[in-house]
């Protein structure tokens, strides 16, 4: 039984990492598209972005854990995500961020936008599931 739980946990972490890599890559491309200066992108820098995004995805497991209340888990997620971004920045100092204030503001805006996007995604998912349940209840059985 424990092996099944471990395998499911590993699968969940991989799924979260892949989703976060997609989100992180898309976010990075949009940041480059919308007004930030031209950046020289090397393979190593792309790897840093992908690894950071994957780690942030795995950090999101904190939101589903059974400790404290949801506010505490959000704070833990925010702090761990901030640390992951800071470490990635130390390895790859993003040249289009002119100073640390701009970096913090950019991080907060991106974090907030992704958070809003996830809340919308969850809302749409729950709405679709509720609609399916409602249809099943109204479906006549033979």
C-alpha atoms as a PDB file:
ATOM      1  CA  UNK A   1       0.000   0.000   0.000  1.00  0.00           C
ATOM      2  CA  UNK A   2       2.810   2.410   0.878  1.00  0.00           C
ATOM      3  CA  UNK A   3       4.462   1.725  -2.484  1.00  0.00           C
ATOM      4  CA  UNK A   4       1.263   2.729  -4.277  1.00  0.00           C
ATOM      5  CA  UNK A   5       1.101   5.955  -2.269  1.00  0.00           C
ATOM      6  CA  UNK A   6       4.758   6.718  -3.072  1.00  0.00           C
ATOM      7  CA  UNK A   7       4.224   6.047  -6.791  1.00  0.00           C
ATOM      8  CA  UNK A   8       1.111   8.235  -6.827  1.00  0.00           C
ATOM      9  CA  UNK A   9       3.006  11.011  -5.027  1.00  0.00           C
ATOM     10  CA  UNK A  10       5.861  10.807  -7.535  1.00  0.00           C
ATOM     11  CA  UNK A  11       3.391  10.852 -10.443  1.00  0.00           C
ATOM     12  CA  UNK A  12       1.670  13.889  -8.921  1.00  0.00           C
ATOM     13  CA  UNK A  13       4.975  15.735  -8.479  1.00  0.00           C
ATOM     14  CA  UNK A  14       5.976  14.974 -12.082  1.00  0.00           C
ATOM     15  CA  UNK A  15       2.572  16.145 -13.346  1.00  0.00           C
ATOM     16  CA  UNK A  16       2.878  19.367 -11.347  1.00  0.00           C
ATOM     17  CA  UNK A  17       6.426  19.915 -12.605  1.00  0.00           C
ATOM     18  CA  UNK A  18       5.381  19.461 -16.252  1.00  0.00           C
ATOM     19  CA  UNK A  19       2.434  21.842 -15.892  1.00  0.00           C
ATOM     20  CA  UNK A  20       4.673  24.403 -14.178  1.00  0.00           C
ATOM     21  CA  UNK A  21       7.311  24.070 -16.910  1.00  0.00           C
ATOM     22  CA  UNK A  22       4.641  24.870 -19.494  1.00  0.00           C
ATOM     23  CA  UNK A  23       3.445  27.843 -17.445  1.00  0.00           C
ATOM     24  CA  UNK A  24       6.988  29.051 -16.724  1.00  0.00           C
ATOM     25  CA  UNK A  25       8.052  28.802 -20.364  1.00  0.00           C
ATOM     26  CA  UNK A  26       4.958  30.620 -21.544  1.00  0.00           C
ATOM     27  CA  UNK A  27       5.387  33.296 -18.879  1.00  0.00           C
ATOM     28  CA  UNK A  28       9.028  33.833 -19.842  1.00  0.00           C
ATOM     29  CA  UNK A  29       8.145  34.187 -23.529  1.00  0.00           C
ATOM     30  CA  UNK A  30       5.354  36.665 -22.730  1.00  0.00           C
ATOM     31  CA  UNK A  31       7.716  38.665 -20.515  1.00  0.00           C
ATOM     32  CA  UNK A  32      10.133  38.890 -23.422  1.00  0.00           C
ATOM     33  CA  UNK A  33       7.362  39.854 -25.837  1.00  0.00           C
ATOM     34  CA  UNK A  34       5.795  42.616 -23.780  1.00  0.00           C
ATOM     35  CA  UNK A  35       8.242  45.409 -23.493  1.00  0.00           C
ATOM     36  CA  UNK A  36      11.323  44.076 -21.810  1.00  0.00           C
ATOM     37  CA  UNK A  37      14.638  44.686 -23.509  1.00  0.00           C
ATOM     38  CA  UNK A  38      16.300  42.284 -25.883  1.00  0.00           C
ATOM     39  CA  UNK A  39      17.907  39.410 -24.041  1.00  0.00           C
ATOM     40  CA  UNK A  40      20.609  37.015 -25.134  1.00  0.00           C
ATOM     41  CA  UNK A  41      19.195  33.595 -24.445  1.00  0.00           C
ATOM     42  CA  UNK A  42      21.601  30.701 -24.090  1.00  0.00           C
ATOM     43  CA  UNK A  43      20.734  27.035 -23.675  1.00  0.00           C
ATOM     44  CA  UNK A  44      21.920  27.129 -20.057  1.00  0.00           C
ATOM     45  CA  UNK A  45      19.516  29.997 -19.297  1.00  0.00           C
ATOM     46  CA  UNK A  46      16.604  28.088 -20.787  1.00  0.00           C
ATOM     47  CA  UNK A  47      17.517  25.085 -18.645  1.00  0.00           C
ATOM     48  CA  UNK A  48      17.541  27.346 -15.554  1.00  0.00           C
ATOM     49  CA  UNK A  49      14.029  28.627 -16.400  1.00  0.00           C
ATOM     50  CA  UNK A  50      12.751  25.076 -16.982  1.00  0.00           C
ATOM     51  CA  UNK A  51      14.286  23.700 -13.773  1.00  0.00           C
ATOM     52  CA  UNK A  52      13.015  26.664 -11.734  1.00  0.00           C
ATOM     53  CA  UNK A  53       9.524  26.219 -13.190  1.00  0.00           C
ATOM     54  CA  UNK A  54       9.545  22.486 -12.457  1.00  0.00           C
ATOM     55  CA  UNK A  55      10.646  23.093  -8.880  1.00  0.00           C
ATOM     56  CA  UNK A  56       7.899  25.679  -8.425  1.00  0.00           C
ATOM     57  CA  UNK A  57       5.419  23.112  -9.731  1.00  0.00           C
ATOM     58  CA  UNK A  58       6.579  20.598  -7.154  1.00  0.00           C
ATOM     59  CA  UNK A  59       6.408  23.306  -4.485  1.00  0.00           C
ATOM     60  CA  UNK A  60       2.713  23.689  -5.342  1.00  0.00           C
ATOM     61  CA  UNK A  61       2.175  20.312  -3.629  1.00  0.00           C
ATOM     62  CA  UNK A  62       2.344  22.367  -0.404  1.00  0.00           C
ATOM     63  CA  UNK A  63      -1.119  23.725  -1.214  1.00  0.00           C
ATOM     64  CA  UNK A  64      -2.630  20.222  -1.000  1.00  0.00           C
ATOM     65  CA  UNK A  65      -0.837  19.093   2.155  1.00  0.00           C
ATOM     66  CA  UNK A  66      -2.548  18.592   5.495  1.00  0.00           C
ATOM     67  CA  UNK A  67      -0.839  21.154   7.686  1.00  0.00           C
ATOM     68  CA  UNK A  68      -2.166  24.403   9.039  1.00  0.00           C
ATOM     69  CA  UNK A  69      -4.924  26.269   7.322  1.00  0.00           C
ATOM     70  CA  UNK A  70      -5.023  27.307   3.666  1.00  0.00           C
ATOM     71  CA  UNK A  71      -3.622  30.777   4.425  1.00  0.00           C
ATOM     72  CA  UNK A  72      -0.548  29.215   6.045  1.00  0.00           C
ATOM     73  CA  UNK A  73      -0.061  26.929   3.036  1.00  0.00           C
ATOM     74  CA  UNK A  74      -0.342  29.913   0.658  1.00  0.00           C
ATOM     75  CA  UNK A  75       2.275  31.803   2.664  1.00  0.00           C
ATOM     76  CA  UNK A  76       4.557  28.740   2.635  1.00  0.00           C
ATOM     77  CA  UNK A  77       4.046  28.391  -1.134  1.00  0.00           C
ATOM     78  CA  UNK A  78       4.817  32.064  -1.704  1.00  0.00           C
ATOM     79  CA  UNK A  79       7.997  31.939   0.403  1.00  0.00           C
ATOM     80  CA  UNK A  80       9.254  28.733  -1.224  1.00  0.00           C
ATOM     81  CA  UNK A  81       8.432  30.065  -4.701  1.00  0.00           C
ATOM     82  CA  UNK A  82      10.235  33.320  -3.896  1.00  0.00           C
ATOM     83  CA  UNK A  83      13.301  31.341  -2.808  1.00  0.00           C
ATOM     84  CA  UNK A  84      13.245  29.267  -6.005  1.00  0.00           C
ATOM     85  CA  UNK A  85      13.048  32.433  -8.115  1.00  0.00           C
ATOM     86  CA  UNK A  86      15.811  34.106  -6.095  1.00  0.00           C
ATOM     87  CA  UNK A  87      18.139  31.124  -6.495  1.00  0.00           C
ATOM     88  CA  UNK A  88      17.387  30.978 -10.231  1.00  0.00           C
ATOM     89  CA  UNK A  89      18.102  34.715 -10.472  1.00  0.00           C
ATOM     90  CA  UNK A  90      21.454  34.249  -8.718  1.00  0.00           C
ATOM     91  CA  UNK A  91      22.393  31.604 -11.303  1.00  0.00           C
ATOM     92  CA  UNK A  92      20.904  33.542 -14.246  1.00  0.00           C
ATOM     93  CA  UNK A  93      20.766  37.272 -13.466  1.00  0.00           C
ATOM     94  CA  UNK A  94      18.088  38.318 -15.895  1.00  0.00           C
ATOM     95  CA  UNK A  95      19.496  41.284 -17.746  1.00  0.00           C
ATOM     96  CA  UNK A  96      16.133  42.848 -18.556  1.00  0.00           C
ATOM     97  CA  UNK A  97      15.469  43.555 -14.889  1.00  0.00           C
ATOM     98  CA  UNK A  98      17.183  46.875 -14.279  1.00  0.00           C
ATOM     99  CA  UNK A  99      17.101  46.743 -10.486  1.00  0.00           C
ATOM    100  CA  UNK A 100      15.857  44.643  -7.587  1.00  0.00           C
ATOM    101  CA  UNK A 101      12.706  46.774  -7.127  1.00  0.00           C
ATOM    102  CA  UNK A 102      11.638  46.046 -10.694  1.00  0.00           C
ATOM    103  CA  UNK A 103      12.397  42.366 -10.089  1.00  0.00           C
ATOM    104  CA  UNK A 104      10.217  42.211  -6.984  1.00  0.00           C
ATOM    105  CA  UNK A 105       7.348  44.043  -8.656  1.00  0.00           C
ATOM    106  CA  UNK A 106       7.617  41.814 -11.731  1.00  0.00           C
ATOM    107  CA  UNK A 107       7.646  38.683  -9.561  1.00  0.00           C
ATOM    108  CA  UNK A 108       4.589  39.825  -7.595  1.00  0.00           C
ATOM    109  CA  UNK A 109       2.650  40.679 -10.757  1.00  0.00           C
ATOM    110  CA  UNK A 110       3.530  37.361 -12.401  1.00  0.00           C
ATOM    111  CA  UNK A 111       2.712  35.413  -9.213  1.00  0.00           C
ATOM    112  CA  UNK A 112      -0.642  37.180  -8.908  1.00  0.00           C
ATOM    113  CA  UNK A 113      -1.558  36.658 -12.581  1.00  0.00           C
ATOM    114  CA  UNK A 114      -0.700  32.959 -12.433  1.00  0.00           C
ATOM    115  CA  UNK A 115      -2.642  32.631  -9.164  1.00  0.00           C
ATOM    116  CA  UNK A 116      -5.706  34.287 -10.722  1.00  0.00           C
ATOM    117  CA  UNK A 117      -5.366  32.018 -13.757  1.00  0.00           C
ATOM    118  CA  UNK A 118      -5.316  28.939 -11.542  1.00  0.00           C
ATOM    119  CA  UNK A 119      -8.316  30.120  -9.547  1.00  0.00           C
ATOM    120  CA  UNK A 120     -10.255  30.576 -12.813  1.00  0.00           C
ATOM    121  CA  UNK A 121      -9.108  27.152 -14.024  1.00  0.00           C
ATOM    122  CA  UNK A 122     -10.242  25.509 -10.775  1.00  0.00           C
ATOM    123  CA  UNK A 123     -13.582  27.359 -10.901  1.00  0.00           C
ATOM    124  CA  UNK A 124     -14.207  26.192 -14.480  1.00  0.00           C
ATOM    125  CA  UNK A 125     -13.212  22.625 -13.553  1.00  0.00           C
ATOM    126  CA  UNK A 126     -15.547  22.539 -10.550  1.00  0.00           C
ATOM    127  CA  UNK A 127     -18.373  24.071 -12.587  1.00  0.00           C
ATOM    128  CA  UNK A 128     -17.963  21.431 -15.312  1.00  0.00           C
ATOM    129  CA  UNK A 129     -17.886  18.599 -12.750  1.00  0.00           C
ATOM    130  CA  UNK A 130     -20.993  19.951 -10.997  1.00  0.00           C
ATOM    131  CA  UNK A 131     -22.760  20.163 -14.356  1.00  0.00           C
ATOM    132  CA  UNK A 132     -21.911  16.519 -15.101  1.00  0.00           C
ATOM    133  CA  UNK A 133     -23.173  15.446 -11.670  1.00  0.00           C
ATOM    134  CA  UNK A 134     -26.385  17.407 -12.216  1.00  0.00           C
ATOM    135  CA  UNK A 135     -26.926  15.729 -15.611  1.00  0.00           C
ATOM    136  CA  UNK A 136     -26.363  12.268 -14.104  1.00  0.00           C
ATOM    137  CA  UNK A 137     -28.888  12.932 -11.345  1.00  0.00           C
ATOM    138  CA  UNK A 138     -31.471  14.001 -13.924  1.00  0.00           C
ATOM    139  CA  UNK A 139     -30.719  11.084 -16.241  1.00  0.00           C
ATOM    140  CA  UNK A 140     -33.464   8.444 -15.977  1.00  0.00           C
ATOM    141  CA  UNK A 141     -32.180   4.969 -15.061  1.00  0.00           C
ATOM    142  CA  UNK A 142     -33.629   1.818 -16.567  1.00  0.00           C
END
